[in-house]
Amino acid sequence: MATLTPLGLAVLGLLIEGPKHPYEMFQTFIARSEDRIVKVRPGSLYHTVERLEKDGFVRATGTEREGNRPERTTYEITDAGQDRMLERITEMLSEWKYEYPEFPLAIAEAHNLPRETVIKLLQKRVLELRAQLELVGRSVDHVEGKNLERKYWLEASYLRVIVEAETAWVENLIGELENGTIDW
């Protein structure tokens, strides 16, 4: 069975809505802030679409040219693509998988830095986390204002909870480092 990457899954999810060309897909990802949940670059997006076509998950429906712009090939999802997408969503929802984020490794090795340096770096991280919370909060407010069904923006509420939890944990760690609860 062909592997379906997170970006491949996201592309198929866009194509469920209707045919699109890769540039339109990229713009849609950015407009919806989906680049926060899947790493997307124009080059990787075009490569992913080519791979999905090779695997039979998408097919070209036509090519068009506007003015001086390069030709744009429009793609649609196939029945096989929809079936594989649903299988992959089912797998991802039901099976826990450790995803190896970098932050736990940094925390595991933080003892190699001076206490004051760690405190300053974590304080900087908290500022960035708060900025992310504000961004996610604005996204949630935006979609709520449009009366968009919650099922279409579950990831935003999930991300908000995750960032809130990390912020609280890091703030607590800073307190423990500052008051000497953790021997450094």
Protein backbone atom coordinates (compact mmCIF):
# COMPACT_ATOMS: atom_id res chain seq x y z
CA MET A 1 0.00 0.00 0.00
CA ALA A 2 1.35 3.42 -0.96
CA THR A 3 2.52 5.62 1.91
CA LEU A 4 0.48 8.75 2.38
CA THR A 5 2.47 11.57 3.95
CA PRO A 6 0.84 14.29 6.04
CA LEU A 7 1.16 16.69 3.10
CA GLY A 8 -0.34 14.08 0.76
CA LEU A 9 -3.27 13.65 3.13
CA ALA A 10 -3.78 17.42 3.29
CA VAL A 11 -3.70 17.67 -0.52
CA LEU A 12 -6.32 14.95 -0.84
CA GLY A 13 -8.40 16.77 1.77
CA LEU A 14 -8.33 19.91 -0.38
CA LEU A 15 -9.19 18.00 -3.52
CA ILE A 16 -12.25 16.47 -1.83
CA GLU A 17 -13.61 20.04 -2.03
CA GLY A 18 -13.06 20.17 -5.79
CA PRO A 19 -10.36 20.24 -8.48
CA LYS A 20 -7.42 22.60 -7.91
CA HIS A 21 -3.99 23.31 -9.32
CA PRO A 22 -0.97 23.14 -6.97
CA TYR A 23 -0.53 26.90 -6.73
CA GLU A 24 -4.18 27.24 -5.68
CA MET A 25 -3.64 24.45 -3.12
CA PHE A 26 -0.63 26.28 -1.67
CA GLN A 27 -2.56 29.55 -1.41
CA THR A 28 -5.46 27.74 0.28
CA PHE A 29 -3.13 26.12 2.83
CA ILE A 30 -1.69 29.54 3.70
CA ALA A 31 -5.08 31.30 3.79
CA ARG A 32 -6.44 28.65 6.16
CA SER A 33 -3.25 28.64 8.27
CA GLU A 34 -2.91 24.93 7.62
CA ASP A 35 0.83 25.44 7.32
CA ARG A 36 0.75 25.26 11.15
CA ILE A 37 -0.30 21.60 11.03
CA VAL A 38 1.55 20.35 7.96
CA LYS A 39 4.87 21.54 6.58
CA VAL A 40 4.18 22.88 3.11
CA ARG A 41 6.55 24.50 0.62
CA PRO A 42 5.76 25.04 -3.06
CA GLY A 43 8.44 22.58 -4.20
CA SER A 44 7.36 19.84 -1.80
CA LEU A 45 3.73 20.43 -2.74
CA TYR A 46 4.40 19.94 -6.46
CA HIS A 47 6.45 16.82 -5.70
CA THR A 48 3.64 15.46 -3.51
CA VAL A 49 1.03 16.03 -6.22
CA GLU A 50 3.25 14.22 -8.74
CA ARG A 51 3.61 11.29 -6.35
CA LEU A 52 -0.14 11.18 -5.67
CA GLU A 53 -0.73 11.09 -9.43
CA LYS A 54 1.82 8.29 -9.87
CA ASP A 55 0.08 6.33 -7.08
CA GLY A 56 -3.30 6.82 -8.77
CA PHE A 57 -4.73 8.97 -5.95
CA VAL A 58 -5.19 12.08 -8.13
CA ARG A 59 -5.53 12.69 -11.85
CA ALA A 60 -5.01 15.71 -14.06
CA THR A 61 -8.23 17.19 -15.40
CA GLY A 62 -6.71 19.82 -17.67
CA THR A 63 -4.09 22.47 -18.19
CA GLU A 64 -4.68 26.19 -18.57
CA ARG A 65 -2.62 29.31 -19.03
CA GLU A 66 -3.48 32.84 -17.92
CA GLY A 67 -1.58 35.60 -19.70
CA ASN A 68 2.18 35.29 -19.22
CA ARG A 69 1.83 32.86 -16.33
CA PRO A 70 3.14 29.31 -16.66
CA GLU A 71 0.70 26.54 -17.51
CA ARG A 72 -1.22 25.21 -14.54
CA THR A 73 -2.42 21.65 -14.37
CA THR A 74 -5.59 21.09 -12.38
CA TYR A 75 -6.01 17.86 -10.41
CA GLU A 76 -8.91 16.00 -8.87
CA ILE A 77 -9.04 13.18 -6.34
CA THR A 78 -9.74 9.66 -7.59
CA ASP A 79 -11.86 7.02 -5.88
CA ALA A 80 -8.62 5.25 -4.88
CA GLY A 81 -7.33 8.53 -3.44
CA GLN A 82 -10.47 9.06 -1.41
CA ASP A 83 -10.36 5.47 -0.13
CA ARG A 84 -6.67 5.77 0.87
CA MET A 85 -7.28 9.15 2.51
CA LEU A 86 -10.08 7.73 4.66
CA GLU A 87 -7.94 4.70 5.58
CA ARG A 88 -5.07 6.98 6.63
CA ILE A 89 -7.34 9.25 8.70
CA THR A 90 -8.71 6.16 10.43
CA GLU A 91 -5.18 4.95 11.21
CA MET A 92 -4.05 8.35 12.49
CA LEU A 93 -7.08 8.85 14.73
CA SER A 94 -7.02 5.40 16.29
CA GLU A 95 -3.29 4.69 16.71
CA TRP A 96 -1.04 6.64 19.06
CA LYS A 97 2.39 7.29 17.57
CA TYR A 98 5.29 9.16 19.11
CA GLU A 99 6.27 11.92 16.70
CA TYR A 100 9.71 12.89 18.08
CA PRO A 101 9.34 16.65 18.60
CA GLU A 102 12.57 18.56 19.25
CA PHE A 103 11.56 20.29 22.48
CA PRO A 104 11.70 17.17 24.72
CA LEU A 105 15.24 16.54 23.50
CA ALA A 106 16.21 20.14 24.27
CA ILE A 107 14.73 19.80 27.77
CA ALA A 108 16.55 16.49 28.26
CA GLU A 109 19.87 18.16 27.44
CA ALA A 110 19.21 21.57 29.02
CA HIS A 111 21.26 20.61 32.08
CA ASN A 112 24.33 21.18 29.90
CA LEU A 113 23.64 24.92 29.92
CA PRO A 114 23.92 27.32 32.87
CA ARG A 115 20.71 27.74 34.90
CA GLU A 116 20.38 31.45 34.04
CA THR A 117 20.76 30.72 30.33
CA VAL A 118 18.06 28.06 30.50
CA ILE A 119 15.74 30.44 32.35
CA LYS A 120 16.27 33.18 29.74
CA LEU A 121 15.73 30.77 26.85
CA LEU A 122 12.56 29.38 28.42
CA GLN A 123 11.27 32.90 29.07
CA LYS A 124 11.81 33.63 25.39
CA ARG A 125 9.94 30.43 24.51
CA VAL A 126 7.02 31.48 26.72
CA LEU A 127 6.79 34.77 24.82
CA GLU A 128 6.68 32.85 21.53
CA LEU A 129 4.12 30.42 22.92
CA ARG A 130 1.91 33.33 24.00
CA ALA A 131 2.20 34.80 20.50
CA GLN A 132 1.11 31.44 19.08
CA LEU A 133 -1.81 31.37 21.51
CA GLU A 134 -2.88 34.78 20.29
CA LEU A 135 -2.59 33.67 16.66
CA VAL A 136 -4.57 30.49 17.25
CA GLY A 137 -7.11 32.45 19.28
CA ARG A 138 -7.60 34.90 16.41
CA SER A 139 -8.04 31.97 14.02
CA VAL A 140 -10.66 30.42 16.28
CA ASP A 141 -12.44 33.77 16.65
CA HIS A 142 -12.36 34.22 12.88
CA VAL A 143 -13.96 30.88 12.07
CA GLU A 144 -16.46 31.19 14.91
CA GLY A 145 -17.46 34.58 13.49
CA LYS A 146 -18.16 32.94 10.15
CA ASN A 147 -20.43 30.38 11.83
CA LEU A 148 -18.30 27.61 10.31
CA GLU A 149 -19.17 24.24 11.77
CA ARG A 150 -16.69 23.24 14.45
CA LYS A 151 -15.90 19.95 12.70
CA TYR A 152 -13.97 22.02 10.12
CA TRP A 153 -11.64 23.65 12.63
CA LEU A 154 -11.05 21.06 15.33
CA GLU A 155 -7.29 21.35 14.79
CA ALA A 156 -7.33 24.99 15.91
CA SER A 157 -8.95 24.15 19.24
CA TYR A 158 -6.56 21.19 19.65
CA LEU A 159 -3.54 23.40 18.96
CA ARG A 160 -4.80 25.99 21.44
CA VAL A 161 -5.04 23.37 24.22
CA ILE A 162 -1.59 21.96 23.40
CA VAL A 163 0.06 25.39 23.39
CA GLU A 164 -1.75 26.38 26.61
CA ALA A 165 -0.50 23.19 28.30
CA GLU A 166 3.07 23.70 27.12
CA THR A 167 3.00 27.34 28.22
CA ALA A 168 1.83 26.37 31.71
CA TRP A 169 4.45 23.62 31.95
CA VAL A 170 7.31 25.87 30.84
CA GLU A 171 6.19 28.68 33.18
CA ASN A 172 6.15 26.19 36.06
CA LEU A 173 9.62 24.94 35.10
CA ILE A 174 10.93 28.52 35.04
CA GLY A 175 9.53 29.01 38.56
CA GLU A 176 11.22 25.83 39.78
CA LEU A 177 14.53 26.90 38.25
CA GLU A 178 14.26 30.38 39.74
CA ASN A 179 13.37 29.25 43.28
CA GLY A 180 15.89 26.42 43.35
CA THR A 181 13.37 23.57 43.53
CA ILE A 182 15.42 21.90 40.79
CA ASP A 183 19.07 21.55 41.77
CA TRP A 184 21.15 22.71 38.82
